Amino acid sequence: MGRKIILPGGAGLVGQNLVARLAARGYRNLVVLDKHRANLDVLRRVQPGVTVEYADLAEPGEWARHFTDGATVVMLQAQIGGNDWQDFVRNNVDATRHQLDIIKEQPNTRLVAISSSVVVSVADDFYTRSKREQEAMVLASGIACPVLRPTLMFGWFDRKHLGWLSRFMSRVPVFPIPGHGRYMRQPLYVGDFCSVIMGCIEDPTIDGVFNISGHEEVDYIDIIREIKRVTRSRTPIVRIPYSAFYGLLWVWGKFDDNPPFTTQQLAALVARDSFEVIDWPGRFKVRSTPFAKAIDETFNDPKYSNVVLEF
């Protein structure tokens, strides 16, 4: 298929999965812009036919030349973790502003904006604040587009969520769980989310805000048990007091500028969020993969399960 698809922030979890599925569907004019050099190298190796370019989207630059009129832009860039507020501002707010300014000047360019379920969360952390500001900016831009709000995602190339947890489980003598571990999650298989995005790419009439939540409610401790099952791990799962877990993360954050899990994310984990579940399989004509099957595909796919992105 000849339409140009531009993926700002496309070297991360969603982007790597989306490129794999777009390529399998026959799309050939794919452009990925990202500033994570190691993960760009992974993408070049795994998907050699894709145009891949280093770009800091928070700064005006040569990357803007790819935004030709008539292209489709899937805005994926996101700062998810970290302890520096300015990183969230640059990657979630400033980078979005630059792209919107370009798209406004090109009336035939299609935008698919990736927001997050956290914009309606009870949590209050750097990620949540910056994503709320980002979504508000998109909605105020006047650009007709779908705005997709996924919940916690997992799948191939997952370096920050379940993928990191599985690697951590393989390296430690015991796997710690904060408190009782009964923190309800609505995990979304990224393969399903990519199908939703492709539906938006292929149907230009779709616009509005859509909550794309996982259709199964799964407690955090049961997610960990499923990871243990499909990876055949023998690591014991041990509950530890919430305060002790928080303290360990706080100390970790003092020695790591980009920790895999922060005290803010711990607070969000236990915040008791429950997100709206709509019939997105019916709306976008896609399937919802059962959680157990999606976990198995994530960790046991012969082609992609062993491809690991840098944190």
C-alpha atoms as a PDB file:
ATOM      1  CA  MET A   1       0.000   0.000   0.000  1.00  0.00           C
ATOM      2  CA  GLY A   2       1.398   3.367  -1.023  1.00  0.00           C
ATOM      3  CA  ARG A   3       0.107   5.839   1.564  1.00  0.00           C
ATOM      4  CA  LYS A   4       2.908   7.236   3.706  1.00  0.00           C
ATOM      5  CA  ILE A   5       2.607   6.375   7.400  1.00  0.00           C
ATOM      6  CA  ILE A   6       4.755   8.464   9.772  1.00  0.00           C
ATOM      7  CA  LEU A   7       5.365   7.094  13.271  1.00  0.00           C
ATOM      8  CA  PRO A   8       6.895   9.706  15.614  1.00  0.00           C
ATOM      9  CA  GLY A   9       8.171   7.776  18.622  1.00  0.00           C
ATOM     10  CA  GLY A  10       7.856   4.582  16.605  1.00  0.00           C
ATOM     11  CA  ALA A  11      10.822   2.686  18.070  1.00  0.00           C
ATOM     12  CA  GLY A  12       8.997   1.858  21.305  1.00  0.00           C
ATOM     13  CA  LEU A  13       6.510  -0.816  22.286  1.00  0.00           C
ATOM     14  CA  VAL A  14       3.541   0.282  20.166  1.00  0.00           C
ATOM     15  CA  GLY A  15       5.638   1.472  17.237  1.00  0.00           C
ATOM     16  CA  GLN A  16       7.650  -1.732  16.865  1.00  0.00           C
ATOM     17  CA  ASN A  17       4.457  -3.804  17.008  1.00  0.00           C
ATOM     18  CA  LEU A  18       2.625  -1.495  14.623  1.00  0.00           C
ATOM     19  CA  VAL A  19       5.437  -1.558  12.056  1.00  0.00           C
ATOM     20  CA  ALA A  20       5.486  -5.366  12.150  1.00  0.00           C
ATOM     21  CA  ARG A  21       1.740  -5.540  11.540  1.00  0.00           C
ATOM     22  CA  LEU A  22       1.617  -2.780   8.906  1.00  0.00           C
ATOM     23  CA  ALA A  23       4.436  -4.453   6.991  1.00  0.00           C
ATOM     24  CA  ALA A  24       2.620  -7.796   7.189  1.00  0.00           C
ATOM     25  CA  ARG A  25      -0.499  -6.100   5.802  1.00  0.00           C
ATOM     26  CA  GLY A  26       1.424  -4.753   2.805  1.00  0.00           C
ATOM     27  CA  TYR A  27       2.285  -1.176   3.794  1.00  0.00           C
ATOM     28  CA  ARG A  28       5.667  -0.205   2.379  1.00  0.00           C
ATOM     29  CA  ASN A  29       6.000   3.582   2.818  1.00  0.00           C
ATOM     30  CA  LEU A  30       6.687   3.638   6.571  1.00  0.00           C
ATOM     31  CA  VAL A  31       8.758   6.328   8.319  1.00  0.00           C
ATOM     32  CA  VAL A  32       9.831   5.988  11.960  1.00  0.00           C
ATOM     33  CA  LEU A  33      11.211   9.006  13.856  1.00  0.00           C
ATOM     34  CA  ASP A  34      12.650   8.441  17.322  1.00  0.00           C
ATOM     35  CA  LYS A  35      15.565   9.528  19.514  1.00  0.00           C
ATOM     36  CA  HIS A  36      16.325   6.179  21.139  1.00  0.00           C
ATOM     37  CA  ARG A  37      19.301   5.090  19.030  1.00  0.00           C
ATOM     38  CA  ALA A  38      19.586   1.525  20.334  1.00  0.00           C
ATOM     39  CA  ASN A  39      15.923   0.785  19.676  1.00  0.00           C
ATOM     40  CA  LEU A  40      16.131   2.396  16.239  1.00  0.00           C
ATOM     41  CA  ASP A  41      18.935  -0.085  15.517  1.00  0.00           C
ATOM     42  CA  VAL A  42      16.663  -2.932  16.620  1.00  0.00           C
ATOM     43  CA  LEU A  43      13.961  -1.707  14.249  1.00  0.00           C
ATOM     44  CA  ARG A  44      16.419  -1.434  11.350  1.00  0.00           C
ATOM     45  CA  ARG A  45      17.508  -5.008  11.961  1.00  0.00           C
ATOM     46  CA  VAL A  46      14.051  -6.494  12.383  1.00  0.00           C
ATOM     47  CA  GLN A  47      12.282  -4.421   9.690  1.00  0.00           C
ATOM     48  CA  PRO A  48      14.953  -3.546   7.094  1.00  0.00           C
ATOM     49  CA  GLY A  49      12.506  -2.049   4.582  1.00  0.00           C
ATOM     50  CA  VAL A  50      11.397   0.782   6.836  1.00  0.00           C
ATOM     51  CA  THR A  51      12.751   4.364   6.752  1.00  0.00           C
ATOM     52  CA  VAL A  52      14.232   4.921  10.205  1.00  0.00           C
ATOM     53  CA  GLU A  53      15.655   8.253  11.377  1.00  0.00           C
ATOM     54  CA  TYR A  54      16.973   9.684  14.609  1.00  0.00           C
ATOM     55  CA  ALA A  55      14.946  12.759  15.609  1.00  0.00           C
ATOM     56  CA  ASP A  56      14.394  14.768  18.777  1.00  0.00           C
ATOM     57  CA  LEU A  57      10.803  15.822  18.211  1.00  0.00           C
ATOM     58  CA  ALA A  58      10.956  18.300  21.085  1.00  0.00           C
ATOM     59  CA  GLU A  59      13.187  20.453  18.879  1.00  0.00           C
ATOM     60  CA  PRO A  60      12.405  21.824  15.390  1.00  0.00           C
ATOM     61  CA  GLY A  61      14.555  20.018  12.845  1.00  0.00           C
ATOM     62  CA  GLU A  62      15.031  18.255   9.545  1.00  0.00           C
ATOM     63  CA  TRP A  63      12.614  15.543  10.656  1.00  0.00           C
ATOM     64  CA  ALA A  64       9.750  17.860   9.669  1.00  0.00           C
ATOM     65  CA  ARG A  65      10.453  17.218   5.954  1.00  0.00           C
ATOM     66  CA  HIS A  66       8.815  13.796   6.294  1.00  0.00           C
ATOM     67  CA  PHE A  67       5.457  15.406   7.115  1.00  0.00           C
ATOM     68  CA  THR A  68       4.284  15.698   3.520  1.00  0.00           C
ATOM     69  CA  ASP A  69       0.667  16.580   2.772  1.00  0.00           C
ATOM     70  CA  GLY A  70      -1.486  13.485   2.408  1.00  0.00           C
ATOM     71  CA  ALA A  71       0.482  11.336   4.860  1.00  0.00           C
ATOM     72  CA  THR A  72      -0.918   9.716   8.002  1.00  0.00           C
ATOM     73  CA  VAL A  73       0.785  10.580  11.295  1.00  0.00           C
ATOM     74  CA  VAL A  74       0.387   8.179  14.225  1.00  0.00           C
ATOM     75  CA  MET A  75       1.619  10.232  17.174  1.00  0.00           C
ATOM     76  CA  LEU A  76       3.276   7.674  19.477  1.00  0.00           C
ATOM     77  CA  GLN A  77       6.073   9.493  21.294  1.00  0.00           C
ATOM     78  CA  ALA A  78       5.708   9.351  25.076  1.00  0.00           C
ATOM     79  CA  GLN A  79       7.765   9.789  28.200  1.00  0.00           C
ATOM     80  CA  ILE A  80       6.369   7.080  30.474  1.00  0.00           C
ATOM     81  CA  GLY A  81       8.784   6.835  33.398  1.00  0.00           C
ATOM     82  CA  GLY A  82      11.497   8.847  35.083  1.00  0.00           C
ATOM     83  CA  ASN A  83      11.953  11.352  37.888  1.00  0.00           C
ATOM     84  CA  ASP A  84      12.559  14.567  35.900  1.00  0.00           C
ATOM     85  CA  TRP A  85       9.442  16.619  35.108  1.00  0.00           C
ATOM     86  CA  GLN A  86      11.189  18.359  32.209  1.00  0.00           C
ATOM     87  CA  ASP A  87      11.606  15.041  30.374  1.00  0.00           C
ATOM     88  CA  PHE A  88       7.826  14.642  30.419  1.00  0.00           C
ATOM     89  CA  VAL A  89       7.309  18.224  29.228  1.00  0.00           C
ATOM     90  CA  ARG A  90       9.730  17.810  26.315  1.00  0.00           C
ATOM     91  CA  ASN A  91       8.544  14.432  25.070  1.00  0.00           C
ATOM     92  CA  ASN A  92       4.806  14.568  25.803  1.00  0.00           C
ATOM     93  CA  VAL A  93       4.051  18.282  25.390  1.00  0.00           C
ATOM     94  CA  ASP A  94       6.704  20.111  23.368  1.00  0.00           C
ATOM     95  CA  ALA A  95       7.066  17.313  20.806  1.00  0.00           C
ATOM     96  CA  THR A  96       3.287  17.246  20.335  1.00  0.00           C
ATOM     97  CA  ARG A  97       3.121  21.014  19.836  1.00  0.00           C
ATOM     98  CA  HIS A  98       5.708  20.922  17.044  1.00  0.00           C
ATOM     99  CA  GLN A  99       3.880  18.158  15.189  1.00  0.00           C
ATOM    100  CA  LEU A 100       0.474  19.807  15.494  1.00  0.00           C
ATOM    101  CA  ASP A 101       1.863  23.060  14.086  1.00  0.00           C
ATOM    102  CA  ILE A 102       3.064  21.177  10.998  1.00  0.00           C
ATOM    103  CA  ILE A 103      -0.141  19.172  10.545  1.00  0.00           C
ATOM    104  CA  LYS A 104      -2.325  22.296  10.769  1.00  0.00           C
ATOM    105  CA  GLU A 105      -0.646  23.595   7.615  1.00  0.00           C
ATOM    106  CA  GLN A 106      -1.444  20.388   5.683  1.00  0.00           C
ATOM    107  CA  PRO A 107      -5.205  19.858   5.399  1.00  0.00           C
ATOM    108  CA  ASN A 108      -4.883  16.430   3.775  1.00  0.00           C
ATOM    109  CA  THR A 109      -2.672  14.958   6.494  1.00  0.00           C
ATOM    110  CA  ARG A 110      -4.411  12.406   8.701  1.00  0.00           C
ATOM    111  CA  LEU A 111      -3.612  12.359  12.433  1.00  0.00           C
ATOM    112  CA  VAL A 112      -4.126   9.436  14.797  1.00  0.00           C
ATOM    113  CA  ALA A 113      -3.311  10.668  18.317  1.00  0.00           C
ATOM    114  CA  ILE A 114      -2.286   8.196  21.004  1.00  0.00           C
ATOM    115  CA  SER A 115      -3.288   9.440  24.437  1.00  0.00           C
ATOM    116  CA  SER A 116      -3.628   7.296  27.566  1.00  0.00           C
ATOM    117  CA  SER A 117      -6.246   6.091  30.020  1.00  0.00           C
ATOM    118  CA  VAL A 118      -4.362   8.000  32.724  1.00  0.00           C
ATOM    119  CA  VAL A 119      -5.986  11.250  31.576  1.00  0.00           C
ATOM    120  CA  VAL A 120      -9.125  10.112  33.438  1.00  0.00           C
ATOM    121  CA  SER A 121      -7.202   8.443  36.264  1.00  0.00           C
ATOM    122  CA  VAL A 122      -7.303   9.362  39.944  1.00  0.00           C
ATOM    123  CA  ALA A 123      -3.503   9.315  39.856  1.00  0.00           C
ATOM    124  CA  ASP A 124      -1.500  12.548  39.940  1.00  0.00           C
ATOM    125  CA  ASP A 125       2.046  12.068  38.708  1.00  0.00           C
ATOM    126  CA  PHE A 126       4.336  13.456  36.012  1.00  0.00           C
ATOM    127  CA  TYR A 127       3.097  11.077  33.338  1.00  0.00           C
ATOM    128  CA  THR A 128      -0.577  11.746  34.095  1.00  0.00           C
ATOM    129  CA  ARG A 129      -0.185  15.526  34.167  1.00  0.00           C
ATOM    130  CA  SER A 130       1.787  15.658  30.934  1.00  0.00           C
ATOM    131  CA  LYS A 131      -0.580  13.303  29.078  1.00  0.00           C
ATOM    132  CA  ARG A 132      -3.573  15.387  30.155  1.00  0.00           C
ATOM    133  CA  GLU A 133      -1.867  18.474  28.787  1.00  0.00           C
ATOM    134  CA  GLN A 134      -0.969  16.644  25.584  1.00  0.00           C
ATOM    135  CA  GLU A 135      -4.514  15.427  24.952  1.00  0.00           C
ATOM    136  CA  ALA A 136      -6.003  18.849  25.700  1.00  0.00           C
ATOM    137  CA  MET A 137      -3.594  20.354  23.158  1.00  0.00           C
ATOM    138  CA  VAL A 138      -4.668  17.862  20.472  1.00  0.00           C
ATOM    139  CA  LEU A 139      -8.368  18.466  21.115  1.00  0.00           C
ATOM    140  CA  ALA A 140      -7.889  22.249  21.068  1.00  0.00           C
ATOM    141  CA  SER A 141      -5.941  22.141  17.789  1.00  0.00           C
ATOM    142  CA  GLY A 142      -9.038  21.889  15.606  1.00  0.00           C
ATOM    143  CA  ILE A 143      -7.590  18.868  13.792  1.00  0.00           C
ATOM    144  CA  ALA A 144     -10.279  16.228  13.256  1.00  0.00           C
ATOM    145  CA  CYS A 145      -8.746  12.960  14.408  1.00  0.00           C
ATOM    146  CA  PRO A 146      -9.264   9.886  16.564  1.00  0.00           C
ATOM    147  CA  VAL A 147      -7.785  10.178  20.060  1.00  0.00           C
ATOM    148  CA  LEU A 148      -7.124   6.732  21.520  1.00  0.00           C
ATOM    149  CA  ARG A 149      -6.748   6.164  25.272  1.00  0.00           C
ATOM    150  CA  PRO A 150      -5.209   2.725  25.875  1.00  0.00           C
ATOM    151  CA  THR A 151      -4.776   1.174  29.300  1.00  0.00           C
ATOM    152  CA  LEU A 152      -1.536  -0.567  30.409  1.00  0.00           C
ATOM    153  CA  MET A 153      -0.185  -2.381  27.364  1.00  0.00           C
ATOM    154  CA  PHE A 154       1.939  -5.482  26.898  1.00  0.00           C
ATOM    155  CA  GLY A 155       3.152  -7.597  24.010  1.00  0.00           C
ATOM    156  CA  TRP A 156       6.184  -8.106  21.782  1.00  0.00           C
ATOM    157  CA  PHE A 157       9.040  -5.632  22.356  1.00  0.00           C
ATOM    158  CA  ASP A 158       7.733  -4.732  25.838  1.00  0.00           C
ATOM    159  CA  ARG A 159      10.708  -3.237  27.655  1.00  0.00           C
ATOM    160  CA  LYS A 160       8.971  -1.276  30.419  1.00  0.00           C
ATOM    161  CA  HIS A 161       5.942  -3.231  31.582  1.00  0.00           C
ATOM    162  CA  LEU A 162       5.413  -6.996  31.573  1.00  0.00           C
ATOM    163  CA  GLY A 163       8.552  -7.584  29.539  1.00  0.00           C
ATOM    164  CA  TRP A 164      10.730  -5.908  32.143  1.00  0.00           C
ATOM    165  CA  LEU A 165       8.922  -7.777  34.918  1.00  0.00           C
ATOM    166  CA  SER A 166       9.652 -11.114  33.226  1.00  0.00           C
ATOM    167  CA  ARG A 167      13.347 -10.276  32.857  1.00  0.00           C
ATOM    168  CA  PHE A 168      13.499  -9.107  36.461  1.00  0.00           C
ATOM    169  CA  MET A 169      11.873 -12.379  37.550  1.00  0.00           C
ATOM    170  CA  SER A 170      14.578 -14.347  35.731  1.00  0.00           C
ATOM    171  CA  ARG A 171      17.370 -12.517  37.579  1.00  0.00           C
ATOM    172  CA  VAL A 172      16.240 -12.432  41.216  1.00  0.00           C
ATOM    173  CA  PRO A 173      15.939 -15.176  43.873  1.00  0.00           C
ATOM    174  CA  VAL A 174      12.443 -13.975  44.874  1.00  0.00           C
ATOM    175  CA  PHE A 175       9.927 -11.723  43.127  1.00  0.00           C
ATOM    176  CA  PRO A 176       8.561  -9.020  45.479  1.00  0.00           C
ATOM    177  CA  ILE A 177       4.909  -7.931  45.405  1.00  0.00           C
ATOM    178  CA  PRO A 178       3.869  -4.716  47.201  1.00  0.00           C
ATOM    179  CA  GLY A 179       1.267  -5.365  49.891  1.00  0.00           C
ATOM    180  CA  HIS A 180      -1.482  -7.860  49.077  1.00  0.00           C
ATOM    181  CA  GLY A 181      -1.011  -7.471  45.319  1.00  0.00           C
ATOM    182  CA  ARG A 182      -4.760  -7.261  44.651  1.00  0.00           C
ATOM    183  CA  TYR A 183      -4.529  -4.134  42.507  1.00  0.00           C
ATOM    184  CA  MET A 184      -6.937  -4.428  39.613  1.00  0.00           C
ATOM    185  CA  ARG A 185      -5.489  -3.790  36.165  1.00  0.00           C
ATOM    186  CA  GLN A 186      -7.118  -3.775  32.718  1.00  0.00           C
ATOM    187  CA  PRO A 187      -4.149  -4.856  30.594  1.00  0.00           C
ATOM    188  CA  LEU A 188      -4.444  -4.307  26.853  1.00  0.00           C
ATOM    189  CA  TYR A 189      -2.661  -6.544  24.360  1.00  0.00           C
ATOM    190  CA  VAL A 190      -0.691  -4.267  22.075  1.00  0.00           C
ATOM    191  CA  GLY A 191      -1.518  -6.484  19.103  1.00  0.00           C
ATOM    192  CA  ASP A 192      -5.187  -5.621  19.590  1.00  0.00           C
ATOM    193  CA  PHE A 193      -4.351  -1.935  20.005  1.00  0.00           C
ATOM    194  CA  CYS A 194      -2.381  -1.983  16.753  1.00  0.00           C
ATOM    195  CA  SER A 195      -5.453  -3.404  15.028  1.00  0.00           C
ATOM    196  CA  VAL A 196      -7.452  -0.440  16.360  1.00  0.00           C
ATOM    197  CA  ILE A 197      -4.827   1.996  15.059  1.00  0.00           C
ATOM    198  CA  MET A 198      -4.851   0.335  11.634  1.00  0.00           C
ATOM    199  CA  GLY A 199      -8.623   0.667  11.610  1.00  0.00           C
ATOM    200  CA  CYS A 200      -8.191   4.407  12.155  1.00  0.00           C
ATOM    201  CA  ILE A 201      -5.569   4.621   9.408  1.00  0.00           C
ATOM    202  CA  GLU A 202      -7.795   2.846   6.902  1.00  0.00           C
ATOM    203  CA  ASP A 203     -11.061   4.621   7.759  1.00  0.00           C
ATOM    204  CA  PRO A 204     -10.537   8.402   7.543  1.00  0.00           C
ATOM    205  CA  THR A 205     -14.054   9.099   8.826  1.00  0.00           C
ATOM    206  CA  ILE A 206     -13.205   7.945  12.355  1.00  0.00           C
ATOM    207  CA  ASP A 207     -12.695  10.756  14.831  1.00  0.00           C
ATOM    208  CA  GLY A 208     -13.461  11.436  18.479  1.00  0.00           C
ATOM    209  CA  VAL A 209     -12.110  10.171  21.780  1.00  0.00           C
ATOM    210  CA  PHE A 210     -12.111   6.427  22.449  1.00  0.00           C
ATOM    211  CA  ASN A 211     -11.243   4.619  25.675  1.00  0.00           C
ATOM    212  CA  ILE A 212      -9.439   1.446  24.573  1.00  0.00           C
ATOM    213  CA  SER A 213      -9.379  -0.590  27.782  1.00  0.00           C
ATOM    214  CA  GLY A 214      -8.479  -4.224  28.227  1.00  0.00           C
ATOM    215  CA  HIS A 215     -11.689  -6.258  28.410  1.00  0.00           C
ATOM    216  CA  GLU A 216     -10.499  -8.408  31.326  1.00  0.00           C
ATOM    217  CA  GLU A 217      -9.893  -7.182  34.871  1.00  0.00           C
ATOM    218  CA  VAL A 218      -6.782  -8.889  36.236  1.00  0.00           C
ATOM    219  CA  ASP A 219      -5.128  -8.277  39.613  1.00  0.00           C
ATOM    220  CA  TYR A 220      -1.460  -7.323  39.546  1.00  0.00           C
ATOM    221  CA  ILE A 221      -0.416 -10.447  41.462  1.00  0.00           C
ATOM    222  CA  ASP A 222      -2.281 -12.645  38.951  1.00  0.00           C
ATOM    223  CA  ILE A 223      -0.482 -10.908  36.081  1.00  0.00           C
ATOM    224  CA  ILE A 224       2.796 -11.843  37.744  1.00  0.00           C
ATOM    225  CA  ARG A 225       1.586 -15.427  38.169  1.00  0.00           C
ATOM    226  CA  GLU A 226       0.702 -15.620  34.466  1.00  0.00           C
ATOM    227  CA  ILE A 227       4.162 -14.347  33.544  1.00  0.00           C
ATOM    228  CA  LYS A 228       5.676 -17.007  35.783  1.00  0.00           C
ATOM    229  CA  ARG A 229       3.515 -19.683  34.132  1.00  0.00           C
ATOM    230  CA  VAL A 230       4.251 -18.857  30.486  1.00  0.00           C
ATOM    231  CA  THR A 231       7.973 -18.287  31.069  1.00  0.00           C
ATOM    232  CA  ARG A 232       8.225 -21.455  33.188  1.00  0.00           C
ATOM    233  CA  SER A 233       9.975 -19.507  35.942  1.00  0.00           C
ATOM    234  CA  ARG A 234      10.661 -21.116  39.322  1.00  0.00           C
ATOM    235  CA  THR A 235      11.182 -17.812  41.134  1.00  0.00           C
ATOM    236  CA  PRO A 236       8.986 -17.604  44.269  1.00  0.00           C
ATOM    237  CA  ILE A 237       6.512 -14.708  44.452  1.00  0.00           C
ATOM    238  CA  VAL A 238       6.716 -13.013  47.863  1.00  0.00           C
ATOM    239  CA  ARG A 239       4.502 -10.262  49.263  1.00  0.00           C
ATOM    240  CA  ILE A 240       6.304  -7.514  51.192  1.00  0.00           C
ATOM    241  CA  PRO A 241       4.819  -4.530  53.058  1.00  0.00           C
ATOM    242  CA  TYR A 242       3.906  -1.580  50.857  1.00  0.00           C
ATOM    243  CA  SER A 243       6.056   0.818  52.900  1.00  0.00           C
ATOM    244  CA  ALA A 244       9.131  -1.407  52.487  1.00  0.00           C
ATOM    245  CA  PHE A 245       8.519  -1.696  48.750  1.00  0.00           C
ATOM    246  CA  TYR A 246       8.140   2.085  48.484  1.00  0.00           C
ATOM    247  CA  GLY A 247      11.388   2.589  50.398  1.00  0.00           C
ATOM    248  CA  LEU A 248      13.297   0.260  48.088  1.00  0.00           C
ATOM    249  CA  LEU A 249      12.042   2.141  45.029  1.00  0.00           C
ATOM    250  CA  TRP A 250      12.946   5.473  46.625  1.00  0.00           C
ATOM    251  CA  VAL A 251      16.518   4.322  47.225  1.00  0.00           C
ATOM    252  CA  TRP A 252      16.734   2.870  43.701  1.00  0.00           C
ATOM    253  CA  GLY A 253      15.632   6.210  42.262  1.00  0.00           C
ATOM    254  CA  LYS A 254      18.489   7.987  44.022  1.00  0.00           C
ATOM    255  CA  PHE A 255      21.034   5.947  42.084  1.00  0.00           C
ATOM    256  CA  ASP A 256      19.253   5.590  38.721  1.00  0.00           C
ATOM    257  CA  ASP A 257      18.202   8.540  36.526  1.00  0.00           C
ATOM    258  CA  ASN A 258      15.791   6.339  34.581  1.00  0.00           C
ATOM    259  CA  PRO A 259      14.540   3.644  36.959  1.00  0.00           C
ATOM    260  CA  PRO A 260      12.251   0.945  35.544  1.00  0.00           C
ATOM    261  CA  PHE A 261       9.670   1.527  38.290  1.00  0.00           C
ATOM    262  CA  THR A 262       9.250   4.695  40.354  1.00  0.00           C
ATOM    263  CA  THR A 263       7.437   5.638  43.554  1.00  0.00           C
ATOM    264  CA  GLN A 264       4.993   7.635  41.398  1.00  0.00           C
ATOM    265  CA  GLN A 265       4.210   4.554  39.363  1.00  0.00           C
ATOM    266  CA  LEU A 266       3.757   2.523  42.542  1.00  0.00           C
ATOM    267  CA  ALA A 267       1.215   5.072  43.757  1.00  0.00           C
ATOM    268  CA  ALA A 268      -0.583   4.805  40.405  1.00  0.00           C
ATOM    269  CA  LEU A 269      -0.587   0.998  40.682  1.00  0.00           C
ATOM    270  CA  VAL A 270      -2.544   1.075  43.942  1.00  0.00           C
ATOM    271  CA  ALA A 271      -4.823   3.982  42.953  1.00  0.00           C
ATOM    272  CA  ARG A 272      -7.840   1.696  42.292  1.00  0.00           C
ATOM    273  CA  ASP A 273      -8.593   3.042  38.844  1.00  0.00           C
ATOM    274  CA  SER A 274     -11.369   1.480  36.793  1.00  0.00           C
ATOM    275  CA  PHE A 275     -11.576   2.585  33.176  1.00  0.00           C
ATOM    276  CA  GLU A 276     -14.573   2.581  30.878  1.00  0.00           C
ATOM    277  CA  VAL A 277     -14.872  -0.495  28.668  1.00  0.00           C
ATOM    278  CA  ILE A 278     -16.469   0.203  25.302  1.00  0.00           C
ATOM    279  CA  ASP A 279     -17.168  -2.188  22.447  1.00  0.00           C
ATOM    280  CA  TRP A 280     -13.997  -1.254  20.594  1.00  0.00           C
ATOM    281  CA  PRO A 281     -13.808  -4.674  18.896  1.00  0.00           C
ATOM    282  CA  GLY A 282     -17.191  -3.954  17.309  1.00  0.00           C
ATOM    283  CA  ARG A 283     -16.466  -0.278  16.602  1.00  0.00           C
ATOM    284  CA  PHE A 284     -13.130  -0.937  14.896  1.00  0.00           C
ATOM    285  CA  LYS A 285     -13.980  -4.408  13.546  1.00  0.00           C
ATOM    286  CA  VAL A 286     -11.124  -6.138  15.363  1.00  0.00           C
ATOM    287  CA  ARG A 287     -10.803  -8.954  17.878  1.00  0.00           C
ATOM    288  CA  SER A 288     -10.096  -8.823  21.596  1.00  0.00           C
ATOM    289  CA  THR A 289      -7.486 -11.450  22.426  1.00  0.00           C
ATOM    290  CA  PRO A 290      -8.087 -13.316  25.736  1.00  0.00           C
ATOM    291  CA  PHE A 291      -5.482 -12.326  28.325  1.00  0.00           C
ATOM    292  CA  ALA A 292      -4.008 -15.824  28.788  1.00  0.00           C
ATOM    293  CA  LYS A 293      -3.625 -16.280  25.012  1.00  0.00           C
ATOM    294  CA  ALA A 294      -2.084 -12.811  24.622  1.00  0.00           C
ATOM    295  CA  ILE A 295       0.441 -13.511  27.385  1.00  0.00           C
ATOM    296  CA  ASP A 296       1.429 -16.746  25.669  1.00  0.00           C
ATOM    297  CA  GLU A 297       1.867 -14.957  22.314  1.00  0.00           C
ATOM    298  CA  THR A 298       3.919 -12.259  24.038  1.00  0.00           C
ATOM    299  CA  PHE A 299       6.496 -14.600  25.536  1.00  0.00           C
ATOM    300  CA  ASN A 300       6.445 -17.558  23.146  1.00  0.00           C
ATOM    301  CA  ASP A 301       6.230 -16.108  19.624  1.00  0.00           C
ATOM    302  CA  PRO A 302       9.085 -17.665  17.583  1.00  0.00           C
ATOM    303  CA  LYS A 303       9.902 -14.480  15.642  1.00  0.00           C
ATOM    304  CA  TYR A 304       9.518 -11.572  18.056  1.00  0.00           C
ATOM    305  CA  SER A 305       9.439 -12.825  21.659  1.00  0.00           C
ATOM    306  CA  ASN A 306      13.220 -12.797  21.998  1.00  0.00           C
ATOM    307  CA  VAL A 307      13.725  -9.320  20.519  1.00  0.00           C
ATOM    308  CA  VAL A 308      14.510  -7.092  23.506  1.00  0.00           C
ATOM    309  CA  LEU A 309      14.474  -3.288  23.388  1.00  0.00           C
ATOM    310  CA  GLU A 310      16.772  -1.198  25.559  1.00  0.00           C
ATOM    311  CA  PHE A 311      15.121   0.313  28.620  1.00  0.00           C
END
